[in-house]
C-alpha atoms as a PDB file:
ATOM      1  CA  MET A   1      43.147 -24.309 -68.147  1.00  0.00           C
ATOM      2  CA  LYS A   2      40.801 -26.135 -70.453  1.00  0.00           C
ATOM      3  CA  THR A   3      37.293 -27.183 -69.615  1.00  0.00           C
ATOM      4  CA  VAL A   4      35.133 -29.691 -71.409  1.00  0.00           C
ATOM      5  CA  LYS A   5      31.903 -28.443 -72.910  1.00  0.00           C
ATOM      6  CA  GLY A   6      28.729 -30.491 -72.475  1.00  0.00           C
ATOM      7  CA  GLY A   7      28.782 -31.830 -76.052  1.00  0.00           C
ATOM      8  CA  TYR A   8      32.206 -33.394 -75.656  1.00  0.00           C
ATOM      9  CA  ALA A   9      31.204 -35.208 -72.478  1.00  0.00           C
ATOM     10  CA  LEU A  10      28.498 -36.953 -74.485  1.00  0.00           C
ATOM     11  CA  TYR A  11      31.189 -38.593 -76.648  1.00  0.00           C
ATOM     12  CA  GLY A  12      32.689 -40.207 -73.558  1.00  0.00           C
ATOM     13  CA  VAL A  13      29.326 -41.520 -72.390  1.00  0.00           C
ATOM     14  CA  LEU A  14      28.536 -42.896 -75.856  1.00  0.00           C
ATOM     15  CA  ALA A  15      31.953 -44.577 -76.043  1.00  0.00           C
ATOM     16  CA  LEU A  16      31.387 -46.139 -72.619  1.00  0.00           C
ATOM     17  CA  VAL A  17      27.967 -47.472 -73.626  1.00  0.00           C
ATOM     18  CA  ALA A  18      29.373 -48.800 -76.926  1.00  0.00           C
ATOM     19  CA  GLY A  19      32.206 -50.546 -75.057  1.00  0.00           C
ATOM     20  CA  ILE A  20      29.820 -52.176 -72.597  1.00  0.00           C
ATOM     21  CA  VAL A  21      27.516 -53.364 -75.396  1.00  0.00           C
ATOM     22  CA  LEU A  22      30.442 -54.757 -77.417  1.00  0.00           C
ATOM     23  CA  GLY A  23      31.770 -56.533 -74.315  1.00  0.00           C
ATOM     24  CA  ILE A  24      28.395 -58.141 -73.649  1.00  0.00           C
ATOM     25  CA  VAL A  25      27.816 -59.149 -77.280  1.00  0.00           C
ATOM     26  CA  PHE A  26      31.267 -60.574 -78.028  1.00  0.00           C
ATOM     27  CA  SER A  27      32.142 -61.814 -74.502  1.00  0.00           C
ATOM     28  CA  PRO A  28      35.938 -61.574 -74.949  1.00  0.00           C
ATOM     29  CA  GLN A  29      38.219 -63.990 -73.116  1.00  0.00           C
ATOM     30  CA  VAL A  30      41.114 -62.590 -71.101  1.00  0.00           C
ATOM     31  CA  PRO A  31      44.377 -64.478 -71.731  1.00  0.00           C
ATOM     32  CA  ASP A  32      45.784 -66.316 -68.711  1.00  0.00           C
ATOM     33  CA  ALA A  33      49.009 -64.287 -68.839  1.00  0.00           C
ATOM     34  CA  VAL A  34      47.088 -61.017 -68.390  1.00  0.00           C
ATOM     35  CA  GLN A  35      44.639 -62.147 -65.690  1.00  0.00           C
ATOM     36  CA  PRO A  36      46.828 -61.235 -62.666  1.00  0.00           C
ATOM     37  CA  TYR A  37      47.173 -57.669 -63.943  1.00  0.00           C
ATOM     38  CA  LEU A  38      43.555 -56.998 -64.910  1.00  0.00           C
ATOM     39  CA  PRO A  39      42.123 -56.208 -61.438  1.00  0.00           C
ATOM     40  CA  ILE A  40      45.000 -53.836 -60.709  1.00  0.00           C
ATOM     41  CA  ALA A  41      44.566 -52.153 -64.091  1.00  0.00           C
ATOM     42  CA  VAL A  42      40.836 -51.695 -63.457  1.00  0.00           C
ATOM     43  CA  VAL A  43      41.442 -50.107 -60.045  1.00  0.00           C
ATOM     44  CA  ALA A  44      44.142 -47.832 -61.516  1.00  0.00           C
ATOM     45  CA  ALA A  45      41.748 -46.812 -64.289  1.00  0.00           C
ATOM     46  CA  LEU A  46      38.997 -46.101 -61.734  1.00  0.00           C
ATOM     47  CA  ASP A  47      41.429 -43.879 -59.842  1.00  0.00           C
ATOM     48  CA  ALA A  48      42.028 -41.841 -62.996  1.00  0.00           C
ATOM     49  CA  VAL A  49      38.294 -41.644 -63.749  1.00  0.00           C
ATOM     50  CA  PHE A  50      37.399 -40.408 -60.255  1.00  0.00           C
ATOM     51  CA  GLY A  51      40.259 -37.909 -60.421  1.00  0.00           C
ATOM     52  CA  GLY A  52      38.961 -36.726 -63.796  1.00  0.00           C
ATOM     53  CA  LEU A  53      35.436 -36.315 -62.435  1.00  0.00           C
ATOM     54  CA  ARG A  54      36.770 -34.307 -59.528  1.00  0.00           C
ATOM     55  CA  ALA A  55      38.796 -32.089 -61.862  1.00  0.00           C
ATOM     56  CA  TYR A  56      35.763 -31.638 -64.116  1.00  0.00           C
ATOM     57  CA  LEU A  57      33.596 -30.480 -61.222  1.00  0.00           C
ATOM     58  CA  ASP A  58      36.388 -28.172 -60.013  1.00  0.00           C
ATOM     59  CA  GLU A  59      36.524 -26.807 -63.598  1.00  0.00           C
ATOM     60  CA  ILE A  60      40.213 -27.631 -64.011  1.00  0.00           C
ATOM     61  CA  PHE A  61      39.786 -30.698 -66.232  1.00  0.00           C
ATOM     62  CA  ASP A  62      42.335 -31.092 -69.017  1.00  0.00           C
ATOM     63  CA  ALA A  63      41.787 -33.955 -71.454  1.00  0.00           C
ATOM     64  CA  LYS A  64      45.519 -34.442 -72.077  1.00  0.00           C
ATOM     65  CA  VAL A  65      46.246 -34.694 -68.367  1.00  0.00           C
ATOM     66  CA  PHE A  66      43.381 -37.169 -67.951  1.00  0.00           C
ATOM     67  CA  VAL A  67      44.549 -39.451 -70.773  1.00  0.00           C
ATOM     68  CA  VAL A  68      48.161 -39.388 -69.589  1.00  0.00           C
ATOM     69  CA  SER A  69      47.052 -40.050 -65.999  1.00  0.00           C
ATOM     70  CA  PHE A  70      44.793 -42.898 -67.106  1.00  0.00           C
ATOM     71  CA  VAL A  71      47.458 -44.660 -69.198  1.00  0.00           C
ATOM     72  CA  PHE A  72      50.301 -43.950 -66.776  1.00  0.00           C
ATOM     73  CA  ASN A  73      48.359 -45.233 -63.733  1.00  0.00           C
ATOM     74  CA  VAL A  74      47.502 -48.486 -65.496  1.00  0.00           C
ATOM     75  CA  LEU A  75      51.033 -49.036 -66.822  1.00  0.00           C
ATOM     76  CA  VAL A  76      52.782 -48.249 -63.534  1.00  0.00           C
ATOM     77  CA  ALA A  77      50.403 -50.455 -61.542  1.00  0.00           C
ATOM     78  CA  ALA A  78      50.897 -53.336 -63.997  1.00  0.00           C
ATOM     79  CA  LEU A  79      54.674 -52.818 -63.925  1.00  0.00           C
ATOM     80  CA  ILE A  80      54.746 -52.941 -60.123  1.00  0.00           C
ATOM     81  CA  VAL A  81      52.681 -56.145 -60.093  1.00  0.00           C
ATOM     82  CA  TRP A  82      54.930 -57.691 -62.755  1.00  0.00           C
ATOM     83  CA  LEU A  83      58.024 -56.705 -60.774  1.00  0.00           C
ATOM     84  CA  GLY A  84      56.469 -58.216 -57.646  1.00  0.00           C
ATOM     85  CA  ASP A  85      55.792 -61.448 -59.541  1.00  0.00           C
ATOM     86  CA  GLN A  86      59.417 -61.556 -60.673  1.00  0.00           C
ATOM     87  CA  LEU A  87      60.620 -61.056 -57.095  1.00  0.00           C
ATOM     88  CA  GLY A  88      58.132 -63.564 -55.688  1.00  0.00           C
ATOM     89  CA  VAL A  89      56.153 -60.979 -53.710  1.00  0.00           C
ATOM     90  CA  GLY A  90      53.420 -60.257 -56.250  1.00  0.00           C
ATOM     91  CA  THR A  91      50.549 -60.658 -53.792  1.00  0.00           C
ATOM     92  CA  GLN A  92      52.025 -58.210 -51.297  1.00  0.00           C
ATOM     93  CA  LEU A  93      52.692 -55.569 -53.953  1.00  0.00           C
ATOM     94  CA  SER A  94      49.229 -56.078 -55.446  1.00  0.00           C
ATOM     95  CA  THR A  95      47.710 -55.495 -52.026  1.00  0.00           C
ATOM     96  CA  ALA A  96      49.809 -52.366 -51.542  1.00  0.00           C
ATOM     97  CA  ILE A  97      48.688 -50.979 -54.903  1.00  0.00           C
ATOM     98  CA  ILE A  98      45.031 -51.693 -54.136  1.00  0.00           C
ATOM     99  CA  VAL A  99      45.336 -49.956 -50.751  1.00  0.00           C
ATOM    100  CA  VAL A 100      47.038 -46.849 -52.168  1.00  0.00           C
ATOM    101  CA  LEU A 101      44.691 -46.520 -55.129  1.00  0.00           C
ATOM    102  CA  GLY A 102      41.699 -47.290 -52.913  1.00  0.00           C
ATOM    103  CA  ILE A 103      42.652 -44.440 -50.584  1.00  0.00           C
ATOM    104  CA  ARG A 104      42.914 -42.101 -53.585  1.00  0.00           C
ATOM    105  CA  ILE A 105      39.573 -43.284 -54.999  1.00  0.00           C
ATOM    106  CA  PHE A 106      37.774 -42.776 -51.683  1.00  0.00           C
ATOM    107  CA  GLY A 107      39.444 -39.369 -51.268  1.00  0.00           C
ATOM    108  CA  ASN A 108      38.213 -38.315 -54.697  1.00  0.00           C
ATOM    109  CA  ALA A 109      34.773 -39.791 -53.987  1.00  0.00           C
ATOM    110  CA  ALA A 110      34.573 -37.793 -50.754  1.00  0.00           C
ATOM    111  CA  ALA A 111      35.553 -34.621 -52.620  1.00  0.00           C
ATOM    112  CA  LEU A 112      32.885 -35.367 -55.243  1.00  0.00           C
ATOM    113  CA  ARG A 113      30.297 -35.898 -52.516  1.00  0.00           C
ATOM    114  CA  ARG A 114      31.220 -32.615 -50.835  1.00  0.00           C
ATOM    115  CA  ARG A 115      31.129 -30.779 -54.170  1.00  0.00           C
ATOM    116  CA  LEU A 116      27.822 -32.258 -55.340  1.00  0.00           C
ATOM    117  CA  PHE A 117      25.890 -32.427 -52.082  1.00  0.00           C
ATOM    118  CA  GLY A 118      27.685 -29.962 -49.829  1.00  0.00           C
ATOM    119  CA  ALA A 119      28.070 -32.698 -47.229  1.00  0.00           C
END
């Protein structure tokens, strides 16, 4: 199992800061066709990030697994929302995805809290 050394984690933080700064400076517009999928993609990405943080603290983090999980979560969530839109039940499927991913995020957050604070 691979672990990330402290120096490599700095690259991720720097990339995050650079992305936030670029987003603020250029203020990109989201196309109308993508807008229904963006909130679901953000929640799916947050699920992968919290899972990655948990794996990092448990010292079982693998960068390949994280990247695949991140991309796969976003794509599957977007695909389910698209399929729901095609079937005319997009709102119900979006809600289901948010509930499932929300449960996973809060589960990972609770594990992080227990690991960091022993509570």
